[in-house]
N, C-alpha and C. Protein backbone atom coordinates (compact mmCIF):
# COMPACT_ATOMS: atom_id res chain seq x y z
N MET A 1 -19.82 -10.14 16.43
CA MET A 1 -18.57 -9.58 15.67
C MET A 1 -18.38 -8.16 15.54
N LYS A 2 -16.79 -8.01 15.85
CA LYS A 2 -16.48 -6.51 16.18
C LYS A 2 -16.39 -5.53 14.63
N GLN A 3 -15.66 -6.57 13.85
CA GLN A 3 -15.41 -5.87 12.79
C GLN A 3 -14.48 -6.86 11.65
N ILE A 4 -14.42 -6.40 10.18
CA ILE A 4 -13.86 -7.30 9.29
C ILE A 4 -12.49 -6.11 8.91
N VAL A 5 -11.15 -6.99 8.77
CA VAL A 5 -9.91 -6.14 8.64
C VAL A 5 -9.26 -6.77 7.35
N PRO A 6 -9.09 -5.88 6.56
CA PRO A 6 -8.23 -6.49 5.47
C PRO A 6 -6.90 -6.66 5.81
N TYR A 7 -6.25 -7.77 5.23
CA TYR A 7 -4.92 -8.33 5.65
C TYR A 7 -4.36 -8.48 4.78
N LEU A 8 -3.25 -7.59 4.32
CA LEU A 8 -2.16 -7.61 3.25
C LEU A 8 -1.20 -8.43 3.24
N LEU A 9 -0.71 -9.59 2.38
CA LEU A 9 0.28 -10.08 2.22
C LEU A 9 1.52 -9.62 1.24
N PHE A 10 2.86 -9.76 1.84
CA PHE A 10 3.83 -9.28 1.10
C PHE A 10 4.95 -10.35 0.81
N ASP A 11 5.91 -10.20 -0.07
CA ASP A 11 6.83 -11.14 -0.27
C ASP A 11 8.24 -10.53 0.37
N GLY A 12 8.09 -9.96 1.33
CA GLY A 12 9.44 -9.51 2.07
C GLY A 12 9.22 -7.92 1.85
N GLN A 13 8.14 -7.07 1.65
CA GLN A 13 8.22 -5.82 1.58
C GLN A 13 7.23 -5.42 2.61
N ALA A 14 6.50 -6.18 3.47
CA ALA A 14 5.64 -5.65 4.65
C ALA A 14 6.13 -4.36 5.54
N GLU A 15 7.17 -4.73 5.95
CA GLU A 15 7.82 -3.58 6.70
C GLU A 15 7.60 -2.18 5.94
N GLU A 16 8.35 -2.31 4.63
CA GLU A 16 8.36 -1.08 4.00
C GLU A 16 7.07 -0.69 3.35
N ALA A 17 6.09 -1.39 3.48
CA ALA A 17 4.56 -1.21 3.17
C ALA A 17 4.11 -0.48 4.24
N LEU A 18 4.34 -1.05 5.64
CA LEU A 18 3.67 -0.57 6.59
C LEU A 18 4.09 0.86 6.93
N GLN A 19 5.52 1.27 6.44
CA GLN A 19 5.57 2.63 6.79
C GLN A 19 5.14 3.52 5.80
N PHE A 20 4.88 2.88 4.40
CA PHE A 20 4.35 3.70 3.54
C PHE A 20 2.80 3.93 3.81
N TYR A 21 2.23 3.02 4.23
CA TYR A 21 0.90 3.44 4.48
C TYR A 21 0.57 4.10 5.72
N LYS A 22 1.68 3.79 6.76
CA LYS A 22 1.63 4.95 8.06
C LYS A 22 1.70 6.05 7.44
N ASP A 23 2.70 6.64 6.29
CA ASP A 23 2.70 7.81 5.99
C ASP A 23 1.65 8.38 5.41
N THR A 24 1.18 7.71 4.39
CA THR A 24 0.16 7.80 3.21
C THR A 24 -1.28 8.04 4.07
N PHE A 25 -1.80 7.41 5.20
CA PHE A 25 -3.05 7.49 5.98
C PHE A 25 -2.84 8.11 7.38
N HIS A 26 -1.32 8.73 7.43
CA HIS A 26 -1.43 9.33 8.80
C HIS A 26 -1.77 8.63 10.33
N GLY A 27 -1.19 7.23 10.04
CA GLY A 27 -1.68 6.04 10.72
C GLY A 27 -0.80 6.01 11.86
N GLU A 28 -1.09 4.93 12.72
CA GLU A 28 -0.05 4.83 13.93
C GLU A 28 0.19 3.31 14.02
N ILE A 29 1.36 3.00 14.18
CA ILE A 29 1.41 1.50 14.22
C ILE A 29 0.88 0.69 15.62
N LEU A 30 0.14 -0.31 15.46
CA LEU A 30 -0.12 -0.72 16.91
C LEU A 30 0.54 -1.89 17.14
N ALA A 31 0.72 -2.81 16.18
CA ALA A 31 1.46 -4.10 16.44
C ALA A 31 2.71 -4.13 15.33
N PHE A 32 3.56 -4.98 15.66
CA PHE A 32 4.77 -5.01 14.83
C PHE A 32 5.68 -6.02 15.31
N GLN A 33 5.82 -7.53 14.58
CA GLN A 33 6.72 -8.24 15.22
C GLN A 33 7.13 -9.36 14.01
N LYS A 34 8.30 -9.51 14.05
CA LYS A 34 8.99 -10.47 12.88
C LYS A 34 9.14 -11.73 13.34
N PHE A 35 9.12 -12.52 12.50
CA PHE A 35 8.85 -13.88 12.82
C PHE A 35 9.83 -14.49 13.65
N GLY A 36 11.44 -13.79 13.73
CA GLY A 36 12.45 -14.27 14.27
C GLY A 36 12.29 -14.03 15.57
N GLU A 37 11.42 -12.96 15.92
CA GLU A 37 11.08 -12.51 17.32
C GLU A 37 9.96 -13.23 18.23
N ALA A 38 9.09 -14.26 17.43
CA ALA A 38 8.19 -14.94 17.97
C ALA A 38 8.61 -16.07 18.43
N ASP A 39 7.70 -16.78 19.55
CA ASP A 39 8.00 -17.92 19.84
C ASP A 39 7.16 -19.02 19.04
N TYR A 40 7.79 -19.24 18.01
CA TYR A 40 7.55 -19.88 16.75
C TYR A 40 8.19 -20.43 16.25
N PRO A 41 8.49 -21.85 15.48
CA PRO A 41 9.40 -22.25 14.82
C PRO A 41 9.64 -21.59 13.30
N THR A 42 10.85 -21.16 13.28
CA THR A 42 11.01 -20.41 12.01
C THR A 42 12.31 -20.49 11.23
N PRO A 43 11.93 -20.75 10.31
CA PRO A 43 13.68 -21.04 9.29
C PRO A 43 14.39 -19.60 9.36
N LYS A 44 15.79 -19.84 9.22
CA LYS A 44 16.60 -18.48 8.92
C LYS A 44 15.97 -17.82 8.06
N GLU A 45 15.59 -18.20 6.96
CA GLU A 45 15.30 -17.22 5.96
C GLU A 45 14.21 -16.55 6.02
N ALA A 46 13.46 -16.80 7.26
CA ALA A 46 12.03 -15.98 7.48
C ALA A 46 12.33 -14.96 8.59
N LYS A 47 13.32 -14.92 9.22
CA LYS A 47 13.39 -14.31 10.82
C LYS A 47 13.44 -13.23 10.52
N ASN A 48 13.58 -12.43 9.43
CA ASN A 48 13.59 -10.98 9.21
C ASN A 48 12.29 -10.47 8.69
N ARG A 49 11.43 -11.35 8.28
CA ARG A 49 10.40 -11.14 7.61
C ARG A 49 8.91 -10.85 8.92
N VAL A 50 8.31 -9.83 8.13
CA VAL A 50 7.05 -9.41 9.21
C VAL A 50 6.35 -10.50 9.12
N MET A 51 6.06 -11.14 10.87
CA MET A 51 5.06 -11.89 10.99
C MET A 51 3.67 -11.33 11.19
N HIS A 52 3.51 -10.05 11.73
CA HIS A 52 2.45 -9.33 11.97
C HIS A 52 2.48 -7.98 12.14
N ALA A 53 1.74 -7.29 11.40
CA ALA A 53 1.92 -5.43 11.68
C ALA A 53 0.23 -5.12 11.61
N ARG A 54 0.18 -4.15 12.64
CA ARG A 54 -1.40 -3.77 12.60
C ARG A 54 -1.22 -2.17 12.58
N LEU A 55 -2.01 -1.54 11.88
CA LEU A 55 -1.74 0.11 11.59
C LEU A 55 -3.28 0.50 11.44
N ARG A 56 -3.55 1.62 12.34
CA ARG A 56 -4.86 2.36 12.49
C ARG A 56 -4.89 3.84 12.03
N SER A 57 -5.89 4.31 11.52
CA SER A 57 -5.93 5.89 11.42
C SER A 57 -7.31 5.91 11.40
N GLY A 58 -7.54 6.32 12.58
CA GLY A 58 -9.07 6.73 13.13
C GLY A 58 -9.73 5.46 13.14
N ASP A 59 -10.74 5.11 12.45
CA ASP A 59 -11.56 3.74 12.33
C ASP A 59 -11.09 2.81 11.44
N PHE A 60 -9.99 3.30 10.51
CA PHE A 60 -9.49 2.57 9.69
C PHE A 60 -8.25 1.64 10.08
N ILE A 61 -8.55 0.44 9.96
CA ILE A 61 -7.32 -0.53 10.30
C ILE A 61 -7.12 -1.55 9.37
N ILE A 62 -5.67 -1.84 9.29
CA ILE A 62 -5.32 -2.94 8.37
C ILE A 62 -4.19 -3.38 8.92
N TYR A 63 -4.25 -4.96 8.64
CA TYR A 63 -3.11 -5.87 9.24
C TYR A 63 -2.18 -6.21 7.96
N MET A 64 -0.93 -6.46 8.22
CA MET A 64 -0.24 -7.07 7.11
C MET A 64 0.91 -7.93 7.68
N SER A 65 1.51 -8.69 6.75
CA SER A 65 2.61 -9.67 6.91
C SER A 65 3.19 -10.15 5.76
N ASP A 66 4.40 -10.56 5.95
CA ASP A 66 5.05 -11.19 4.82
C ASP A 66 4.54 -12.73 4.72
N THR A 67 4.85 -13.09 3.65
CA THR A 67 4.62 -14.79 3.55
C THR A 67 5.63 -15.47 4.55
N PHE A 68 5.37 -16.84 4.70
CA PHE A 68 6.03 -17.63 5.29
C PHE A 68 6.60 -18.49 3.94
N PRO A 69 8.08 -18.92 4.27
CA PRO A 69 8.55 -19.75 3.22
C PRO A 69 8.09 -20.85 2.80
N ASP A 70 7.09 -21.59 3.56
CA ASP A 70 6.20 -22.76 2.86
C ASP A 70 4.82 -22.29 2.04
N GLN A 71 4.74 -21.04 2.36
CA GLN A 71 3.36 -20.34 1.71
C GLN A 71 3.78 -19.34 0.80
N PRO A 72 4.13 -19.65 -0.47
CA PRO A 72 4.91 -18.58 -1.36
C PRO A 72 3.94 -17.52 -1.62
N TYR A 73 4.34 -16.41 -1.87
CA TYR A 73 3.45 -15.27 -2.22
C TYR A 73 3.19 -15.74 -3.80
N LYS A 74 2.24 -15.22 -4.13
CA LYS A 74 1.87 -15.31 -5.77
C LYS A 74 0.48 -14.37 -5.95
N GLN A 75 0.48 -13.69 -6.90
CA GLN A 75 -0.51 -12.94 -7.28
C GLN A 75 -2.17 -13.58 -7.12
N GLY A 76 -2.70 -12.90 -6.36
CA GLY A 76 -3.85 -13.41 -6.14
C GLY A 76 -4.37 -14.02 -4.62
N ASN A 77 -3.12 -14.31 -3.84
CA ASN A 77 -3.45 -14.42 -2.40
C ASN A 77 -2.63 -13.13 -1.74
N ALA A 78 -2.64 -11.88 -2.13
CA ALA A 78 -2.07 -11.01 -1.32
C ALA A 78 -2.99 -10.17 -0.05
N ILE A 79 -4.33 -11.04 -0.21
CA ILE A 79 -5.18 -10.18 0.98
C ILE A 79 -5.97 -11.53 1.50
N SER A 80 -6.22 -11.26 2.57
CA SER A 80 -7.36 -12.28 3.28
C SER A 80 -8.31 -11.13 4.37
N LEU A 81 -9.16 -11.78 4.77
CA LEU A 81 -10.44 -10.81 5.48
C LEU A 81 -9.84 -11.23 6.98
N ALA A 82 -9.73 -10.46 7.97
CA ALA A 82 -9.32 -11.09 9.56
C ALA A 82 -10.62 -10.34 10.05
N ILE A 83 -11.18 -11.19 10.87
CA ILE A 83 -12.25 -10.89 11.71
C ILE A 83 -11.97 -10.74 13.14
N GLU A 84 -12.11 -10.14 13.99
CA GLU A 84 -11.81 -10.05 15.37
C GLU A 84 -13.18 -10.23 15.75
N LEU A 85 -13.19 -11.30 16.91
CA LEU A 85 -14.44 -12.29 17.47
C LEU A 85 -14.60 -11.53 18.60
N GLU A 86 -15.99 -11.84 19.17
CA GLU A 86 -16.44 -11.19 20.68
C GLU A 86 -15.82 -12.18 21.78
N ASN A 87 -16.19 -13.69 21.21
CA ASN A 87 -15.79 -14.81 22.36
C ASN A 87 -15.95 -16.11 21.45
N ASP A 88 -15.43 -17.30 22.28
CA ASP A 88 -14.61 -18.26 21.49
C ASP A 88 -15.85 -18.71 20.88
N GLU A 89 -17.46 -18.76 21.81
CA GLU A 89 -18.40 -19.55 20.96
C GLU A 89 -18.97 -18.96 19.57
N GLU A 90 -18.52 -17.75 19.40
CA GLU A 90 -19.07 -16.95 18.17
C GLU A 90 -17.93 -17.35 17.20
N MET A 91 -16.65 -17.34 17.65
CA MET A 91 -15.67 -17.94 16.90
C MET A 91 -15.72 -19.55 16.30
N LYS A 92 -16.23 -20.37 17.31
CA LYS A 92 -16.46 -21.63 16.78
C LYS A 92 -17.31 -21.89 15.62
N GLU A 93 -18.50 -20.99 16.04
CA GLU A 93 -19.80 -21.11 14.89
C GLU A 93 -19.15 -20.92 13.61
N ILE A 94 -18.36 -19.47 13.57
CA ILE A 94 -17.91 -18.96 12.39
C ILE A 94 -17.19 -20.13 11.78
N TYR A 95 -16.14 -20.33 12.53
CA TYR A 95 -15.06 -21.35 12.05
C TYR A 95 -16.13 -22.46 11.35
N ASN A 96 -16.56 -23.28 11.91
CA ASN A 96 -16.88 -24.42 11.33
C ASN A 96 -17.91 -24.18 10.30
N LYS A 97 -18.67 -23.07 10.09
CA LYS A 97 -19.12 -22.80 8.91
C LYS A 97 -18.41 -22.55 7.76
N LEU A 98 -17.35 -21.70 7.92
CA LEU A 98 -16.20 -21.30 6.94
C LEU A 98 -15.57 -22.75 6.50
N LYS A 99 -15.22 -23.35 7.50
CA LYS A 99 -14.40 -24.86 6.82
C LYS A 99 -15.04 -25.62 6.19
N ASN A 100 -16.54 -25.75 6.39
CA ASN A 100 -17.34 -26.87 5.56
C ASN A 100 -17.17 -26.40 4.10
N ASN A 101 -16.67 -27.60 3.55
CA ASN A 101 -16.37 -27.65 1.93
C ASN A 101 -15.21 -26.51 1.86
N GLY A 102 -14.49 -26.43 2.59
CA GLY A 102 -13.38 -25.46 2.43
C GLY A 102 -12.17 -26.40 2.82
N GLN A 103 -10.82 -25.24 3.12
CA GLN A 103 -9.55 -25.75 3.44
C GLN A 103 -8.96 -24.98 4.82
N VAL A 104 -8.52 -25.69 5.77
CA VAL A 104 -8.23 -25.58 7.18
C VAL A 104 -6.62 -25.08 6.79
N PHE A 105 -6.14 -23.99 7.08
CA PHE A 105 -4.81 -23.62 6.87
C PHE A 105 -4.36 -23.54 8.41
N MET A 106 -4.77 -23.34 9.57
CA MET A 106 -4.26 -23.48 10.74
C MET A 106 -5.76 -23.66 11.49
N GLU A 107 -5.60 -24.84 12.21
CA GLU A 107 -7.03 -25.16 13.23
C GLU A 107 -7.07 -24.09 14.35
N MET A 108 -8.49 -23.95 14.63
CA MET A 108 -8.72 -23.20 15.69
C MET A 108 -7.97 -23.62 17.04
N GLN A 109 -7.52 -22.56 17.45
CA GLN A 109 -6.44 -22.99 18.87
C GLN A 109 -5.90 -21.83 19.54
N LYS A 110 -5.64 -21.89 20.68
CA LYS A 110 -4.90 -20.67 21.51
C LYS A 110 -3.39 -20.53 21.09
N THR A 111 -3.37 -19.19 21.02
CA THR A 111 -1.93 -18.80 20.49
C THR A 111 -0.84 -18.10 21.53
N PHE A 112 0.21 -17.97 21.26
CA PHE A 112 1.17 -17.52 22.03
C PHE A 112 0.86 -16.01 22.14
N TRP A 113 0.21 -15.37 21.32
CA TRP A 113 0.16 -13.87 21.54
C TRP A 113 -1.48 -13.63 22.11
N GLY A 114 -1.83 -14.64 22.53
CA GLY A 114 -3.27 -14.46 23.52
C GLY A 114 -4.45 -14.27 23.14
N ALA A 115 -4.59 -14.87 21.79
CA ALA A 115 -5.94 -14.99 21.37
C ALA A 115 -6.15 -16.66 20.98
N THR A 116 -7.45 -16.56 20.71
CA THR A 116 -7.82 -17.79 20.11
C THR A 116 -7.96 -17.63 18.35
N TYR A 117 -7.14 -18.44 17.35
CA TYR A 117 -6.86 -17.77 16.23
C TYR A 117 -7.26 -19.30 15.57
N ALA A 118 -7.74 -18.77 14.04
CA ALA A 118 -7.79 -19.80 12.83
C ALA A 118 -7.70 -19.34 11.85
N LYS A 119 -6.94 -19.83 10.86
CA LYS A 119 -6.94 -19.18 9.54
C LYS A 119 -7.74 -20.71 8.43
N VAL A 120 -8.81 -19.87 7.37
CA VAL A 120 -9.45 -21.10 6.47
C VAL A 120 -9.77 -20.77 5.51
N GLN A 121 -9.88 -21.35 4.48
CA GLN A 121 -10.52 -20.71 3.24
C GLN A 121 -11.64 -21.22 2.87
N ASP A 122 -12.64 -20.42 2.53
CA ASP A 122 -14.02 -20.86 2.55
C ASP A 122 -14.22 -21.83 0.95
N LYS A 123 -15.46 -22.23 0.68
CA LYS A 123 -15.75 -23.12 -0.43
C LYS A 123 -15.62 -22.21 -1.69
N PHE A 124 -15.49 -20.66 -1.28
CA PHE A 124 -15.64 -19.85 -2.65
C PHE A 124 -14.21 -19.36 -2.82
N GLY A 125 -13.04 -19.62 -2.10
CA GLY A 125 -11.80 -19.51 -2.19
C GLY A 125 -11.20 -18.09 -1.49
N ILE A 126 -12.35 -17.86 -0.34
CA ILE A 126 -11.59 -16.69 0.37
C ILE A 126 -11.09 -17.15 1.76
N VAL A 127 -10.09 -16.59 1.99
CA VAL A 127 -9.27 -16.79 2.71
C VAL A 127 -9.67 -15.82 4.22
N TRP A 128 -9.85 -16.44 5.04
CA TRP A 128 -10.50 -15.86 6.73
C TRP A 128 -9.58 -16.16 7.67
N ASP A 129 -9.01 -15.05 8.33
CA ASP A 129 -8.50 -15.26 9.83
C ASP A 129 -9.05 -14.69 10.80
N LEU A 130 -9.66 -15.53 11.82
CA LEU A 130 -10.39 -15.48 12.75
C LEU A 130 -9.67 -15.22 14.01
N ASN A 131 -9.99 -14.39 14.77
CA ASN A 131 -9.21 -14.03 16.21
C ASN A 131 -10.05 -13.51 16.88
N CYS A 132 -9.86 -14.00 18.05
CA CYS A 132 -10.73 -13.60 19.22
C CYS A 132 -9.49 -13.37 20.48
N GLN A 133 -9.21 -12.26 20.77
CA GLN A 133 -8.38 -11.90 21.63
C GLN A 133 -9.16 -12.06 22.95
N SER A 134 -8.37 -12.91 23.97
CA SER A 134 -8.26 -13.28 25.30
C SER A 134 -8.54 -11.96 26.24
N SER A 135 -9.33 -11.60 27.23
CA SER A 135 -9.47 -10.72 28.07
C SER A 135 -8.53 -10.62 29.10
């Protein structure tokens, strides 16, 4: 396992928050993509919402995005923990343990951004974004 990264969710303010945190933490934007720019079926009302952004300041990294229309923002679901994993075997082991008595939001799968990814809520209600970038 490489690291655990906080993943912040917003209701249409992710781009503003990204700039705020960039200035606040003297960070560098490493990734920024809106839903409308992705090869992903997106309703018209979500096209200008942030699908994924990554900010780094030294060793400090945060991810952020806006919620998707069918996953409305509500107090309490504004953060998940994203884990960058070393390989697919490690990811599969962790994914299977986390989904046991939990809820899968996105099955483990290859993605258009070049990673294996899954999103799951564990039995304690913690949401995990699992990501293994392909080499």
